[in-house]
């Protein structure tokens, strides 16, 4: 489940709202153990996703680094190459 949570800090272009929300959703899914919550738990689940997303936004905005921003396309290509090596048969 958590393989979909990607590093969001220090990229050019910066992380989008959708990327932050997706990472937050994956985190809450992992913590709760549910991919889709029941109707009874939907409100708590959605609230948790929004709270985690807000915390992530705050964290990303407040962090500083002297490192050059990473390029999303280059990092995606590296990940694809690692995946091909890992799953080669």
Protein backbone atom coordinates (compact mmCIF):
# COMPACT_ATOMS: atom_id res chain seq x y z
CA UNK A 1 0.00 0.00 0.00
CA UNK A 2 2.66 2.56 0.98
CA UNK A 3 4.73 2.08 -2.16
CA UNK A 4 2.56 4.79 -3.70
CA UNK A 5 3.64 7.41 -1.17
CA UNK A 6 6.29 9.39 -2.96
CA UNK A 7 8.78 11.98 -1.78
CA UNK A 8 7.21 15.39 -2.36
CA UNK A 9 9.86 17.79 -1.08
CA UNK A 10 12.47 19.54 -3.23
CA UNK A 11 11.12 18.83 -6.70
CA UNK A 12 10.78 21.09 -9.69
CA UNK A 13 7.96 21.69 -10.34
CA UNK A 14 6.76 21.57 -6.71
CA UNK A 15 4.30 18.95 -5.49
CA UNK A 16 0.73 19.54 -6.58
CA UNK A 17 -2.32 19.49 -4.34
CA UNK A 18 -3.35 16.21 -5.96
CA UNK A 19 0.02 14.59 -5.16
CA UNK A 20 -0.22 15.74 -1.54
CA UNK A 21 -3.79 14.45 -1.24
CA UNK A 22 -2.91 11.11 -2.85
CA UNK A 23 0.00 10.58 -0.46
CA UNK A 24 -2.24 11.52 2.47
CA UNK A 25 -4.92 9.09 1.33
CA UNK A 26 -2.38 6.26 1.07
CA UNK A 27 -1.06 7.08 4.54
CA UNK A 28 -4.54 7.01 6.09
CA UNK A 29 -5.36 3.78 4.24
CA UNK A 30 -2.23 2.19 5.68
CA UNK A 31 -2.96 3.36 9.21
CA UNK A 32 -6.62 2.35 9.14
CA UNK A 33 -6.16 -0.91 7.26
CA UNK A 34 -9.01 0.01 4.89
CA UNK A 35 -8.80 0.87 1.21
CA UNK A 36 -12.39 2.03 1.33
CA UNK A 37 -13.95 2.82 4.71
CA UNK A 38 -17.45 1.77 5.68
CA UNK A 39 -20.25 4.35 5.68
CA UNK A 40 -19.94 4.49 9.47
CA UNK A 41 -16.26 5.44 9.24
CA UNK A 42 -16.34 7.60 6.10
CA UNK A 43 -16.44 10.96 7.93
CA UNK A 44 -13.55 10.08 10.24
CA UNK A 45 -11.54 8.68 7.31
CA UNK A 46 -12.09 11.77 5.12
CA UNK A 47 -11.29 14.10 8.03
CA UNK A 48 -8.05 12.20 8.67
CA UNK A 49 -7.04 12.49 4.99
CA UNK A 50 -7.61 16.27 5.08
CA UNK A 51 -5.69 16.67 8.36
CA UNK A 52 -2.74 14.64 7.07
CA UNK A 53 -2.76 16.63 3.82
CA UNK A 54 -2.70 19.91 5.74
CA UNK A 55 0.19 18.68 7.89
CA UNK A 56 2.06 17.60 4.74
CA UNK A 57 1.52 21.01 3.12
CA UNK A 58 2.82 22.74 6.25
CA UNK A 59 5.85 20.46 6.40
CA UNK A 60 6.73 20.87 2.71
CA UNK A 61 6.37 24.67 2.85
CA UNK A 62 8.47 25.04 5.98
CA UNK A 63 11.40 22.81 5.02
CA UNK A 64 14.56 24.32 3.52
CA UNK A 65 17.50 22.82 1.67
CA UNK A 66 20.59 23.97 -0.18
CA UNK A 67 20.33 21.03 -2.59
CA UNK A 68 19.24 21.59 -6.16
CA UNK A 69 15.62 20.61 -6.81
CA UNK A 70 15.21 17.17 -8.33
CA UNK A 71 13.66 16.73 -11.75
CA UNK A 72 10.44 14.67 -11.72
CA UNK A 73 11.03 13.15 -15.15
CA UNK A 74 14.55 12.02 -14.27
CA UNK A 75 13.41 10.53 -10.94
CA UNK A 76 10.50 8.73 -12.67
CA UNK A 77 12.89 7.23 -15.23
CA UNK A 78 15.19 6.00 -12.44
CA UNK A 79 12.22 4.43 -10.64
CA UNK A 80 11.07 2.71 -13.83
CA UNK A 81 14.56 1.31 -14.39
CA UNK A 82 14.73 0.01 -10.80
CA UNK A 83 11.31 -1.59 -11.25
CA UNK A 84 12.34 -3.32 -14.48
CA UNK A 85 15.44 -4.73 -12.80
CA UNK A 86 13.49 -5.81 -9.74
CA UNK A 87 10.71 -7.55 -11.65
CA UNK A 88 12.80 -8.96 -14.53
CA UNK A 89 12.27 -12.66 -15.08
